[in-house]
Amino acid sequence: QERDGVLRLVFARSDVAAAWEESGAQAALEDALA
């Protein structure tokens, strides 16, 4: 979801959300967006 300059990712499964937090994937996404 994108709103007011914020890209929000919602994960239905807690294990996937935890993997997202631990993987460094957010930094990769932020770099790609930039």
PDB file of all heavy atoms in Angstrom:
ATOM      1  N   GLN A   1       0.860  -1.183   0.000  1.00  0.00           N
ATOM      2  CA  GLN A   1       0.000   0.000   0.000  1.00  0.00           C
ATOM      3  C   GLN A   1       0.896   1.232   0.000  1.00  0.00           C
ATOM      4  O   GLN A   1       1.875   1.289   0.737  1.00  0.00           O
ATOM      5  CB  GLN A   1      -0.873   0.015   1.255  1.00  0.00           C
ATOM      6  CG  GLN A   1      -1.708  -1.227   1.433  1.00  0.00           C
ATOM      7  CD  GLN A   1      -2.263  -1.359   2.835  1.00  0.00           C
ATOM      8  OE1 GLN A   1      -1.757  -0.775   3.776  1.00  0.00           O
ATOM      9  NE2 GLN A   1      -3.323  -2.151   2.969  1.00  0.00           N
ATOM     10  N   GLU A   2       0.535   2.214  -0.848  1.00  0.00           N
ATOM     11  CA  GLU A   2       1.299   3.463  -0.890  1.00  0.00           C
ATOM     12  C   GLU A   2       0.355   4.608  -0.591  1.00  0.00           C
ATOM     13  O   GLU A   2      -0.712   4.731  -1.196  1.00  0.00           O
ATOM     14  CB  GLU A   2       1.943   3.634  -2.265  1.00  0.00           C
ATOM     15  CG  GLU A   2       2.910   4.793  -2.335  1.00  0.00           C
ATOM     16  CD  GLU A   2       2.264   6.102  -2.767  1.00  0.00           C
ATOM     17  OE1 GLU A   2       1.320   6.061  -3.556  1.00  0.00           O
ATOM     18  OE2 GLU A   2       2.702   7.153  -2.296  1.00  0.00           O
ATOM     19  N   ARG A   3       0.757   5.426   0.381  1.00  0.00           N
ATOM     20  CA  ARG A   3      -0.063   6.575   0.741  1.00  0.00           C
ATOM     21  C   ARG A   3       0.811   7.643   1.399  1.00  0.00           C
ATOM     22  O   ARG A   3       1.589   7.345   2.301  1.00  0.00           O
ATOM     23  CB  ARG A   3      -1.151   6.142   1.721  1.00  0.00           C
ATOM     24  CG  ARG A   3      -2.109   7.242   2.059  1.00  0.00           C
ATOM     25  CD  ARG A   3      -3.230   6.734   2.910  1.00  0.00           C
ATOM     26  NE  ARG A   3      -4.098   7.845   3.263  1.00  0.00           N
ATOM     27  CZ  ARG A   3      -5.063   7.769   4.126  1.00  0.00           C
ATOM     28  NH1 ARG A   3      -5.313   6.636   4.738  1.00  0.00           N
ATOM     29  NH2 ARG A   3      -5.788   8.817   4.386  1.00  0.00           N
ATOM     30  N   ASP A   4       0.672   8.852   0.914  1.00  0.00           N
ATOM     31  CA  ASP A   4       1.374  10.005   1.497  1.00  0.00           C
ATOM     32  C   ASP A   4       2.872   9.780   1.654  1.00  0.00           C
ATOM     33  O   ASP A   4       3.465  10.110   2.678  1.00  0.00           O
ATOM     34  CB  ASP A   4       0.763  10.367   2.857  1.00  0.00           C
ATOM     35  CG  ASP A   4      -0.707  10.747   2.753  1.00  0.00           C
ATOM     36  OD1 ASP A   4      -1.089  11.363   1.736  1.00  0.00           O
ATOM     37  OD2 ASP A   4      -1.476  10.417   3.684  1.00  0.00           O
ATOM     38  N   GLY A   5       3.504   9.206   0.652  1.00  0.00           N
ATOM     39  CA  GLY A   5       4.953   9.027   0.674  1.00  0.00           C
ATOM     40  C   GLY A   5       5.439   7.857   1.501  1.00  0.00           C
ATOM     41  O   GLY A   5       6.630   7.727   1.766  1.00  0.00           O
ATOM     42  N   VAL A   6       4.517   7.001   1.933  1.00  0.00           N
ATOM     43  CA  VAL A   6       4.886   5.824   2.716  1.00  0.00           C
ATOM     44  C   VAL A   6       4.460   4.570   1.947  1.00  0.00           C
ATOM     45  O   VAL A   6       3.309   4.452   1.538  1.00  0.00           O
ATOM     46  CB  VAL A   6       4.218   5.837   4.113  1.00  0.00           C
ATOM     47  CG1 VAL A   6       4.531   4.558   4.868  1.00  0.00           C
ATOM     48  CG2 VAL A   6       4.658   7.054   4.907  1.00  0.00           C
ATOM     49  N   LEU A   7       5.391   3.673   1.760  1.00  0.00           N
ATOM     50  CA  LEU A   7       5.107   2.385   1.160  1.00  0.00           C
ATOM     51  C   LEU A   7       5.007   1.381   2.304  1.00  0.00           C
ATOM     52  O   LEU A   7       5.982   1.116   3.002  1.00  0.00           O
ATOM     53  CB  LEU A   7       6.213   1.965   0.192  1.00  0.00           C
ATOM     54  CG  LEU A   7       5.962   0.700  -0.606  1.00  0.00           C
ATOM     55  CD1 LEU A   7       4.856   0.944  -1.628  1.00  0.00           C
ATOM     56  CD2 LEU A   7       7.227   0.245  -1.298  1.00  0.00           C
ATOM     57  N   ARG A   8       3.805   0.874   2.520  1.00  0.00           N
ATOM     58  CA  ARG A   8       3.573  -0.045   3.636  1.00  0.00           C
ATOM     59  C   ARG A   8       3.449  -1.458   3.095  1.00  0.00           C
ATOM     60  O   ARG A   8       2.675  -1.720   2.172  1.00  0.00           O
ATOM     61  CB  ARG A   8       2.308   0.339   4.378  1.00  0.00           C
ATOM     62  CG  ARG A   8       2.019  -0.558   5.553  1.00  0.00           C
ATOM     63  CD  ARG A   8       0.717  -0.166   6.212  1.00  0.00           C
ATOM     64  NE  ARG A   8       0.275  -1.279   7.012  1.00  0.00           N
ATOM     65  CZ  ARG A   8       0.085  -1.227   8.307  1.00  0.00           C
ATOM     66  NH1 ARG A   8       0.253  -0.102   8.948  1.00  0.00           N
ATOM     67  NH2 ARG A   8      -0.317  -2.289   8.973  1.00  0.00           N
ATOM     68  N   LEU A   9       4.214  -2.363   3.685  1.00  0.00           N
ATOM     69  CA  LEU A   9       4.174  -3.775   3.330  1.00  0.00           C
ATOM     70  C   LEU A   9       3.489  -4.512   4.467  1.00  0.00           C
ATOM     71  O   LEU A   9       3.882  -4.385   5.619  1.00  0.00           O
ATOM     72  CB  LEU A   9       5.588  -4.327   3.147  1.00  0.00           C
ATOM     73  CG  LEU A   9       6.498  -3.554   2.197  1.00  0.00           C
ATOM     74  CD1 LEU A   9       7.890  -4.149   2.223  1.00  0.00           C
ATOM     75  CD2 LEU A   9       5.924  -3.542   0.799  1.00  0.00           C
ATOM     76  N   VAL A  10       2.467  -5.263   4.131  1.00  0.00           N
ATOM     77  CA  VAL A  10       1.745  -6.039   5.142  1.00  0.00           C
ATOM     78  C   VAL A  10       1.938  -7.512   4.819  1.00  0.00           C
ATOM     79  O   VAL A  10       1.595  -7.966   3.729  1.00  0.00           O
ATOM     80  CB  VAL A  10       0.246  -5.683   5.160  1.00  0.00           C
ATOM     81  CG1 VAL A  10      -0.491  -6.500   6.208  1.00  0.00           C
ATOM     82  CG2 VAL A  10       0.058  -4.187   5.416  1.00  0.00           C
ATOM     83  N   PHE A  11       2.491  -8.232   5.781  1.00  0.00           N
ATOM     84  CA  PHE A  11       2.710  -9.668   5.639  1.00  0.00           C
ATOM     85  C   PHE A  11       1.684 -10.407   6.480  1.00  0.00           C
ATOM     86  O   PHE A  11       1.545 -10.135   7.671  1.00  0.00           O
ATOM     87  CB  PHE A  11       4.124 -10.047   6.093  1.00  0.00           C
ATOM     88  CG  PHE A  11       5.214  -9.410   5.262  1.00  0.00           C
ATOM     89  CD1 PHE A  11       5.877  -8.283   5.713  1.00  0.00           C
ATOM     90  CD2 PHE A  11       5.558  -9.931   4.025  1.00  0.00           C
ATOM     91  CE1 PHE A  11       6.877  -7.697   4.957  1.00  0.00           C
ATOM     92  CE2 PHE A  11       6.555  -9.348   3.259  1.00  0.00           C
ATOM     93  CZ  PHE A  11       7.216  -8.229   3.725  1.00  0.00           C
ATOM     94  N   ALA A  12       0.970 -11.348   5.872  1.00  0.00           N
ATOM     95  CA  ALA A  12      -0.063 -12.101   6.581  1.00  0.00           C
ATOM     96  C   ALA A  12       0.543 -13.114   7.551  1.00  0.00           C
ATOM     97  O   ALA A  12      -0.064 -13.436   8.561  1.00  0.00           O
ATOM     98  CB  ALA A  12      -0.971 -12.818   5.582  1.00  0.00           C
ATOM     99  N   ARG A  13       1.734 -13.572   7.241  1.00  0.00           N
ATOM    100  CA  ARG A  13       2.371 -14.588   8.091  1.00  0.00           C
ATOM    101  C   ARG A  13       3.496 -13.964   8.898  1.00  0.00           C
ATOM    102  O   ARG A  13       4.338 -13.245   8.371  1.00  0.00           O
ATOM    103  CB  ARG A  13       2.924 -15.714   7.223  1.00  0.00           C
ATOM    104  CG  ARG A  13       1.835 -16.502   6.529  1.00  0.00           C
ATOM    105  CD  ARG A  13       2.362 -17.576   5.611  1.00  0.00           C
ATOM    106  NE  ARG A  13       3.658 -18.112   5.956  1.00  0.00           N
ATOM    107  CZ  ARG A  13       4.423 -18.791   5.098  1.00  0.00           C
ATOM    108  NH1 ARG A  13       4.021 -18.979   3.852  1.00  0.00           N
ATOM    109  NH2 ARG A  13       5.587 -19.273   5.477  1.00  0.00           N
ATOM    110  N   SER A  14       3.508 -14.277  10.184  1.00  0.00           N
ATOM    111  CA  SER A  14       4.524 -13.704  11.077  1.00  0.00           C
ATOM    112  C   SER A  14       5.928 -14.195  10.742  1.00  0.00           C
ATOM    113  O   SER A  14       6.897 -13.457  10.909  1.00  0.00           O
ATOM    114  CB  SER A  14       4.191 -14.007  12.536  1.00  0.00           C
ATOM    115  OG  SER A  14       4.167 -15.410  12.758  1.00  0.00           O
ATOM    116  N   ASP A  15       6.062 -15.425  10.237  1.00  0.00           N
ATOM    117  CA  ASP A  15       7.392 -15.920   9.888  1.00  0.00           C
ATOM    118  C   ASP A  15       7.973 -15.171   8.689  1.00  0.00           C
ATOM    119  O   ASP A  15       9.164 -14.911   8.623  1.00  0.00           O
ATOM    120  CB  ASP A  15       7.385 -17.434   9.652  1.00  0.00           C
ATOM    121  CG  ASP A  15       6.475 -17.869   8.515  1.00  0.00           C
ATOM    122  OD1 ASP A  15       5.439 -17.210   8.260  1.00  0.00           O
ATOM    123  OD2 ASP A  15       6.789 -18.901   7.878  1.00  0.00           O
ATOM    124  N   VAL A  16       7.111 -14.786   7.763  1.00  0.00           N
ATOM    125  CA  VAL A  16       7.575 -14.011   6.603  1.00  0.00           C
ATOM    126  C   VAL A  16       7.946 -12.599   7.051  1.00  0.00           C
ATOM    127  O   VAL A  16       8.972 -12.053   6.624  1.00  0.00           O
ATOM    128  CB  VAL A  16       6.512 -13.990   5.483  1.00  0.00           C
ATOM    129  CG1 VAL A  16       6.960 -13.115   4.328  1.00  0.00           C
ATOM    130  CG2 VAL A  16       6.217 -15.407   5.002  1.00  0.00           C
ATOM    131  N   ALA A  17       7.149 -12.016   7.939  1.00  0.00           N
ATOM    132  CA  ALA A  17       7.475 -10.681   8.474  1.00  0.00           C
ATOM    133  C   ALA A  17       8.803 -10.718   9.219  1.00  0.00           C
ATOM    134  O   ALA A  17       9.631  -9.805   9.084  1.00  0.00           O
ATOM    135  CB  ALA A  17       6.354 -10.193   9.389  1.00  0.00           C
ATOM    136  N   ALA A  18       9.030 -11.766   9.990  1.00  0.00           N
ATOM    137  CA  ALA A  18      10.302 -11.898  10.718  1.00  0.00           C
ATOM    138  C   ALA A  18      11.465 -12.062   9.746  1.00  0.00           C
ATOM    139  O   ALA A  18      12.529 -11.454   9.933  1.00  0.00           O
ATOM    140  CB  ALA A  18      10.233 -13.085  11.670  1.00  0.00           C
ATOM    141  N   ALA A  19      11.259 -12.853   8.704  1.00  0.00           N
ATOM    142  CA  ALA A  19      12.315 -13.020   7.695  1.00  0.00           C
ATOM    143  C   ALA A  19      12.625 -11.697   7.019  1.00  0.00           C
ATOM    144  O   ALA A  19      13.782 -11.388   6.735  1.00  0.00           O
ATOM    145  CB  ALA A  19      11.888 -14.070   6.664  1.00  0.00           C
ATOM    146  N   TRP A  20      11.588 -10.887   6.754  1.00  0.00           N
ATOM    147  CA  TRP A  20      11.787  -9.572   6.153  1.00  0.00           C
ATOM    148  C   TRP A  20      12.677  -8.720   7.057  1.00  0.00           C
ATOM    149  O   TRP A  20      13.625  -8.101   6.606  1.00  0.00           O
ATOM    150  CB  TRP A  20      10.443  -8.882   5.919  1.00  0.00           C
ATOM    151  CG  TRP A  20      10.586  -7.506   5.355  1.00  0.00           C
ATOM    152  CD1 TRP A  20      10.576  -6.327   6.047  1.00  0.00           C
ATOM    153  CD2 TRP A  20      10.802  -7.150   3.987  1.00  0.00           C
ATOM    154  NE1 TRP A  20      10.761  -5.272   5.202  1.00  0.00           N
ATOM    155  CE2 TRP A  20      10.901  -5.751   3.917  1.00  0.00           C
ATOM    156  CE3 TRP A  20      10.904  -7.890   2.815  1.00  0.00           C
ATOM    157  CZ2 TRP A  20      11.100  -5.079   2.730  1.00  0.00           C
ATOM    158  CZ3 TRP A  20      11.113  -7.216   1.633  1.00  0.00           C
ATOM    159  CH2 TRP A  20      11.209  -5.827   1.597  1.00  0.00           C
ATOM    160  N   GLU A  21      12.370  -8.711   8.335  1.00  0.00           N
ATOM    161  CA  GLU A  21      13.130  -7.895   9.297  1.00  0.00           C
ATOM    162  C   GLU A  21      14.589  -8.342   9.393  1.00  0.00           C
ATOM    163  O   GLU A  21      15.483  -7.514   9.517  1.00  0.00           O
ATOM    164  CB  GLU A  21      12.474  -7.974  10.681  1.00  0.00           C
ATOM    165  CG  GLU A  21      11.124  -7.312  10.755  1.00  0.00           C
ATOM    166  CD  GLU A  21      11.180  -5.809  10.584  1.00  0.00           C
ATOM    167  OE1 GLU A  21      12.163  -5.184  11.015  1.00  0.00           O
ATOM    168  OE2 GLU A  21      10.229  -5.262  10.006  1.00  0.00           O
ATOM    169  N   GLU A  22      14.822  -9.631   9.351  1.00  0.00           N
ATOM    170  CA  GLU A  22      16.161 -10.183   9.577  1.00  0.00           C
ATOM    171  C   GLU A  22      17.032 -10.229   8.325  1.00  0.00           C
ATOM    172  O   GLU A  22      18.247 -10.345   8.424  1.00  0.00           O
ATOM    173  CB  GLU A  22      16.042 -11.592  10.155  1.00  0.00           C
ATOM    174  CG  GLU A  22      15.383 -11.622  11.518  1.00  0.00           C
ATOM    175  CD  GLU A  22      15.029 -13.022  11.978  1.00  0.00           C
ATOM    176  OE1 GLU A  22      15.392 -14.002  11.282  1.00  0.00           O
ATOM    177  OE2 GLU A  22      14.377 -13.140  13.026  1.00  0.00           O
ATOM    178  N   SER A  23      16.425 -10.142   7.155  1.00  0.00           N
ATOM    179  CA  SER A  23      17.154 -10.414   5.912  1.00  0.00           C
ATOM    180  C   SER A  23      17.916  -9.237   5.331  1.00  0.00           C
ATOM    181  O   SER A  23      18.776  -9.431   4.481  1.00  0.00           O
ATOM    182  CB  SER A  23      16.171 -10.911   4.851  1.00  0.00           C
ATOM    183  OG  SER A  23      15.308  -9.848   4.474  1.00  0.00           O
ATOM    184  N   GLY A  24      17.575  -8.032   5.719  1.00  0.00           N
ATOM    185  CA  GLY A  24      18.157  -6.875   5.052  1.00  0.00           C
ATOM    186  C   GLY A  24      17.438  -6.533   3.760  1.00  0.00           C
ATOM    187  O   GLY A  24      17.884  -5.682   2.988  1.00  0.00           O
ATOM    188  N   ALA A  25      16.309  -7.198   3.519  1.00  0.00           N
ATOM    189  CA  ALA A  25      15.567  -6.973   2.295  1.00  0.00           C
ATOM    190  C   ALA A  25      15.013  -5.556   2.212  1.00  0.00           C
ATOM    191  O   ALA A  25      14.897  -4.995   1.122  1.00  0.00           O
ATOM    192  CB  ALA A  25      14.427  -7.995   2.172  1.00  0.00           C
ATOM    193  N   GLN A  26      14.677  -4.970   3.359  1.00  0.00           N
ATOM    194  CA  GLN A  26      14.139  -3.610   3.326  1.00  0.00           C
ATOM    195  C   GLN A  26      15.157  -2.630   2.765  1.00  0.00           C
ATOM    196  O   GLN A  26      14.814  -1.760   1.971  1.00  0.00           O
ATOM    197  CB  GLN A  26      13.669  -3.170   4.712  1.00  0.00           C
ATOM    198  CG  GLN A  26      13.034  -1.787   4.664  1.00  0.00           C
ATOM    199  CD  GLN A  26      12.163  -1.488   5.848  1.00  0.00           C
ATOM    200  OE1 GLN A  26      11.560  -2.379   6.426  1.00  0.00           O
ATOM    201  NE2 GLN A  26      12.082  -0.227   6.204  1.00  0.00           N
ATOM    202  N   ALA A  27      16.397  -2.778   3.161  1.00  0.00           N
ATOM    203  CA  ALA A  27      17.443  -1.900   2.628  1.00  0.00           C
ATOM    204  C   ALA A  27      17.577  -2.078   1.121  1.00  0.00           C
ATOM    205  O   ALA A  27      17.752  -1.092   0.391  1.00  0.00           O
ATOM    206  CB  ALA A  27      18.771  -2.180   3.318  1.00  0.00           C
ATOM    207  N   ALA A  28      17.463  -3.314   0.652  1.00  0.00           N
ATOM    208  CA  ALA A  28      17.540  -3.561  -0.794  1.00  0.00           C
ATOM    209  C   ALA A  28      16.370  -2.904  -1.521  1.00  0.00           C
ATOM    210  O   ALA A  28      16.547  -2.312  -2.587  1.00  0.00           O
ATOM    211  CB  ALA A  28      17.561  -5.066  -1.071  1.00  0.00           C
ATOM    212  N   LEU A  29      15.174  -2.999  -0.930  1.00  0.00           N
ATOM    213  CA  LEU A  29      14.008  -2.354  -1.529  1.00  0.00           C
ATOM    214  C   LEU A  29      14.163  -0.838  -1.535  1.00  0.00           C
ATOM    215  O   LEU A  29      13.883  -0.176  -2.533  1.00  0.00           O
ATOM    216  CB  LEU A  29      12.730  -2.752  -0.784  1.00  0.00           C
ATOM    217  CG  LEU A  29      11.444  -2.053  -1.235  1.00  0.00           C
ATOM    218  CD1 LEU A  29      11.156  -2.304  -2.708  1.00  0.00           C
ATOM    219  CD2 LEU A  29      10.274  -2.495  -0.361  1.00  0.00           C
ATOM    220  N   GLU A  30      14.614  -0.281  -0.424  1.00  0.00           N
ATOM    221  CA  GLU A  30      14.810   1.172  -0.344  1.00  0.00           C
ATOM    222  C   GLU A  30      15.822   1.637  -1.373  1.00  0.00           C
ATOM    223  O   GLU A  30      15.639   2.677  -2.011  1.00  0.00           O
ATOM    224  CB  GLU A  30      15.216   1.573   1.069  1.00  0.00           C
ATOM    225  CG  GLU A  30      14.088   1.411   2.068  1.00  0.00           C
ATOM    226  CD  GLU A  30      14.533   1.545   3.519  1.00  0.00           C
ATOM    227  OE1 GLU A  30      15.749   1.449   3.800  1.00  0.00           O
ATOM    228  OE2 GLU A  30      13.642   1.716   4.377  1.00  0.00           O
ATOM    229  N   ASP A  31      16.894   0.884  -1.559  1.00  0.00           N
ATOM    230  CA  ASP A  31      17.897   1.229  -2.578  1.00  0.00           C
ATOM    231  C   ASP A  31      17.291   1.190  -3.974  1.00  0.00           C
ATOM    232  O   ASP A  31      17.539   2.069  -4.793  1.00  0.00           O
ATOM    233  CB  ASP A  31      19.094   0.280  -2.503  1.00  0.00           C
ATOM    234  CG  ASP A  31      19.957   0.505  -1.271  1.00  0.00           C
ATOM    235  OD1 ASP A  31      19.792   1.540  -0.587  1.00  0.00           O
ATOM    236  OD2 ASP A  31      20.789  -0.387  -0.991  1.00  0.00           O
ATOM    237  N   ALA A  32      16.487   0.158  -4.249  1.00  0.00           N
ATOM    238  CA  ALA A  32      15.859   0.035  -5.562  1.00  0.00           C
ATOM    239  C   ALA A  32      14.871   1.172  -5.812  1.00  0.00           C
ATOM    240  O   ALA A  32      14.813   1.722  -6.915  1.00  0.00           O
ATOM    241  CB  ALA A  32      15.155  -1.314  -5.679  1.00  0.00           C
ATOM    242  N   LEU A  33      14.107   1.523  -4.779  1.00  0.00           N
ATOM    243  CA  LEU A  33      13.165   2.640  -4.910  1.00  0.00           C
ATOM    244  C   LEU A  33      13.907   3.945  -5.186  1.00  0.00           C
ATOM    245  O   LEU A  33      13.512   4.724  -6.066  1.00  0.00           O
ATOM    246  CB  LEU A  33      12.318   2.781  -3.638  1.00  0.00           C
ATOM    247  CG  LEU A  33      11.254   1.713  -3.420  1.00  0.00           C
ATOM    248  CD1 LEU A  33      10.730   1.787  -1.992  1.00  0.00           C
ATOM    249  CD2 LEU A  33      10.122   1.871  -4.421  1.00  0.00           C
ATOM    250  N   ALA A  34      14.965   4.190  -4.446  1.00  0.00           N
ATOM    251  CA  ALA A  34      15.748   5.416  -4.641  1.00  0.00           C
ATOM    252  C   ALA A  34      16.353   5.448  -6.042  1.00  0.00           C
ATOM    253  O   ALA A  34      16.338   6.487  -6.707  1.00  0.00           O
ATOM    254  CB  ALA A  34      16.841   5.523  -3.588  1.00  0.00           C
TER     255      ALA A  34
END
